[in-house]
C-alpha cells in the first residue's frame, strides 16, 4: 500500500446537498458533485492522511470489507487527483 500522504487542493469550496457535496474550483470555475464515498474522503482530507488511514476511517464508517474498500479507494484517489481535488504529497 502507498505511504503517500494525500491532501486537498484548497482552491475548491463546496456545500453538502443531501448525501453528496457539490464542489466549485475558485481558480478554474470547474465544478463537480461528489457521491457519498468521495464526500467522505473529501471530509477526511481536512487533514492530510495516508491511503491506509483513509481506508481505516471509511471501513469504520461504512459496512464494507477490507478488499472492496482498498480497491475502491485505489480507483477513487487517482480520480480525485486527475480532477485536481486532492494530491499525494
C-alpha atoms as a PDB file:
ATOM      1  CA  UNK A   1       0.000   0.000   0.000  1.00  0.00           C
ATOM      2  CA  UNK A   2       1.167   3.501  -0.804  1.00  0.00           C
ATOM      3  CA  UNK A   3       2.599   5.569   2.021  1.00  0.00           C
ATOM      4  CA  UNK A   4       1.872   8.812   0.141  1.00  0.00           C
ATOM      5  CA  UNK A   5       0.102  11.386   2.238  1.00  0.00           C
ATOM      6  CA  UNK A   6      -2.960  12.691   0.408  1.00  0.00           C
ATOM      7  CA  UNK A   7      -4.163  16.244   0.851  1.00  0.00           C
ATOM      8  CA  UNK A   8      -6.876  18.507  -0.502  1.00  0.00           C
ATOM      9  CA  UNK A   9      -6.370  21.136  -3.145  1.00  0.00           C
ATOM     10  CA  UNK A  10      -7.599  24.159  -1.215  1.00  0.00           C
ATOM     11  CA  UNK A  11      -8.811  26.036  -4.300  1.00  0.00           C
ATOM     12  CA  UNK A  12     -12.083  24.081  -4.042  1.00  0.00           C
ATOM     13  CA  UNK A  13     -15.122  25.057  -1.998  1.00  0.00           C
ATOM     14  CA  UNK A  14     -18.287  23.075  -1.597  1.00  0.00           C
ATOM     15  CA  UNK A  15     -21.572  22.559   0.101  1.00  0.00           C
ATOM     16  CA  UNK A  16     -23.480  19.461   1.139  1.00  0.00           C
ATOM     17  CA  UNK A  17     -26.578  18.563  -0.864  1.00  0.00           C
ATOM     18  CA  UNK A  18     -28.338  15.523   0.611  1.00  0.00           C
ATOM     19  CA  UNK A  19     -25.670  12.784   0.717  1.00  0.00           C
ATOM     20  CA  UNK A  20     -23.216  14.430  -1.695  1.00  0.00           C
ATOM     21  CA  UNK A  21     -21.041  17.530  -1.897  1.00  0.00           C
ATOM     22  CA  UNK A  22     -21.151  19.949  -4.818  1.00  0.00           C
ATOM     23  CA  UNK A  23     -17.697  21.448  -5.358  1.00  0.00           C
ATOM     24  CA  UNK A  24     -16.509  24.559  -7.238  1.00  0.00           C
ATOM     25  CA  UNK A  25     -12.892  25.365  -8.050  1.00  0.00           C
ATOM     26  CA  UNK A  26     -12.495  29.092  -7.428  1.00  0.00           C
ATOM     27  CA  UNK A  27      -9.479  29.352  -9.741  1.00  0.00           C
ATOM     28  CA  UNK A  28     -10.750  27.429 -12.774  1.00  0.00           C
ATOM     29  CA  UNK A  29     -14.537  27.623 -12.446  1.00  0.00           C
ATOM     30  CA  UNK A  30     -14.801  23.810 -12.785  1.00  0.00           C
ATOM     31  CA  UNK A  31     -17.415  22.085 -10.677  1.00  0.00           C
ATOM     32  CA  UNK A  32     -18.065  18.504  -9.633  1.00  0.00           C
ATOM     33  CA  UNK A  33     -20.519  16.610  -7.493  1.00  0.00           C
ATOM     34  CA  UNK A  34     -19.050  14.062  -5.095  1.00  0.00           C
ATOM     35  CA  UNK A  35     -21.033  10.939  -4.184  1.00  0.00           C
ATOM     36  CA  UNK A  36     -21.228   9.782  -0.576  1.00  0.00           C
ATOM     37  CA  UNK A  37     -17.923   7.878  -0.691  1.00  0.00           C
ATOM     38  CA  UNK A  38     -15.984  10.691  -2.380  1.00  0.00           C
ATOM     39  CA  UNK A  39     -17.636  13.160   0.025  1.00  0.00           C
ATOM     40  CA  UNK A  40     -16.423  11.090   2.975  1.00  0.00           C
ATOM     41  CA  UNK A  41     -12.887  11.047   1.541  1.00  0.00           C
ATOM     42  CA  UNK A  42     -13.003  14.826   0.974  1.00  0.00           C
ATOM     43  CA  UNK A  43     -14.070  15.330   4.585  1.00  0.00           C
ATOM     44  CA  UNK A  44     -11.309  13.015   5.812  1.00  0.00           C
ATOM     45  CA  UNK A  45      -8.767  15.025   3.844  1.00  0.00           C
ATOM     46  CA  UNK A  46      -9.432  18.047   6.006  1.00  0.00           C
ATOM     47  CA  UNK A  47      -6.094  16.894   7.407  1.00  0.00           C
ATOM     48  CA  UNK A  48      -3.502  15.126   5.211  1.00  0.00           C
ATOM     49  CA  UNK A  49      -3.751  11.330   5.507  1.00  0.00           C
ATOM     50  CA  UNK A  50      -2.215   8.218   4.007  1.00  0.00           C
ATOM     51  CA  UNK A  51      -4.321   5.900   1.877  1.00  0.00           C
ATOM     52  CA  UNK A  52      -4.246   3.401   4.739  1.00  0.00           C
ATOM     53  CA  UNK A  53      -5.593   5.987   7.217  1.00  0.00           C
ATOM     54  CA  UNK A  54      -8.375   6.919   4.786  1.00  0.00           C
ATOM     55  CA  UNK A  55      -9.242   3.254   4.280  1.00  0.00           C
ATOM     56  CA  UNK A  56      -9.454   2.555   8.013  1.00  0.00           C
ATOM     57  CA  UNK A  57     -11.716   5.567   8.539  1.00  0.00           C
ATOM     58  CA  UNK A  58     -14.000   4.546   5.658  1.00  0.00           C
ATOM     59  CA  UNK A  59     -14.256   0.975   6.933  1.00  0.00           C
ATOM     60  CA  UNK A  60     -15.350   2.253  10.334  1.00  0.00           C
ATOM     61  CA  UNK A  61     -17.988   4.491   8.712  1.00  0.00           C
ATOM     62  CA  UNK A  62     -19.363   2.169   6.002  1.00  0.00           C
ATOM     63  CA  UNK A  63     -20.199  -1.523   6.068  1.00  0.00           C
ATOM     64  CA  UNK A  64     -17.517  -2.588   3.595  1.00  0.00           C
ATOM     65  CA  UNK A  65     -14.919  -5.332   3.626  1.00  0.00           C
ATOM     66  CA  UNK A  66     -11.214  -4.566   3.525  1.00  0.00           C
ATOM     67  CA  UNK A  67     -10.568  -5.753  -0.049  1.00  0.00           C
ATOM     68  CA  UNK A  68     -13.511  -3.854  -1.548  1.00  0.00           C
ATOM     69  CA  UNK A  69     -12.625  -0.692   0.333  1.00  0.00           C
ATOM     70  CA  UNK A  70      -8.980  -0.866  -0.745  1.00  0.00           C
ATOM     71  CA  UNK A  71      -9.944  -1.482  -4.382  1.00  0.00           C
ATOM     72  CA  UNK A  72     -12.482   1.361  -4.453  1.00  0.00           C
ATOM     73  CA  UNK A  73     -10.090   3.775  -2.796  1.00  0.00           C
ATOM     74  CA  UNK A  74      -7.307   2.781  -5.201  1.00  0.00           C
ATOM     75  CA  UNK A  75      -9.601   3.916  -8.037  1.00  0.00           C
ATOM     76  CA  UNK A  76     -11.063   6.986  -6.307  1.00  0.00           C
ATOM     77  CA  UNK A  77      -7.853   8.712  -5.188  1.00  0.00           C
ATOM     78  CA  UNK A  78      -6.350   8.852  -8.707  1.00  0.00           C
ATOM     79  CA  UNK A  79      -9.672  10.203  -9.999  1.00  0.00           C
ATOM     80  CA  UNK A  80      -9.623  12.900  -7.344  1.00  0.00           C
ATOM     81  CA  UNK A  81      -6.039  13.679  -8.349  1.00  0.00           C
ATOM     82  CA  UNK A  82      -6.985  13.876 -12.047  1.00  0.00           C
ATOM     83  CA  UNK A  83      -9.748  16.367 -11.159  1.00  0.00           C
ATOM     84  CA  UNK A  84      -7.247  18.339  -9.041  1.00  0.00           C
ATOM     85  CA  UNK A  85      -9.332  17.773  -5.900  1.00  0.00           C
ATOM     86  CA  UNK A  86      -6.525  16.067  -3.994  1.00  0.00           C
ATOM     87  CA  UNK A  87      -2.902  15.187  -4.481  1.00  0.00           C
ATOM     88  CA  UNK A  88      -0.363  12.834  -2.996  1.00  0.00           C
ATOM     89  CA  UNK A  89       2.456  14.543  -1.160  1.00  0.00           C
END
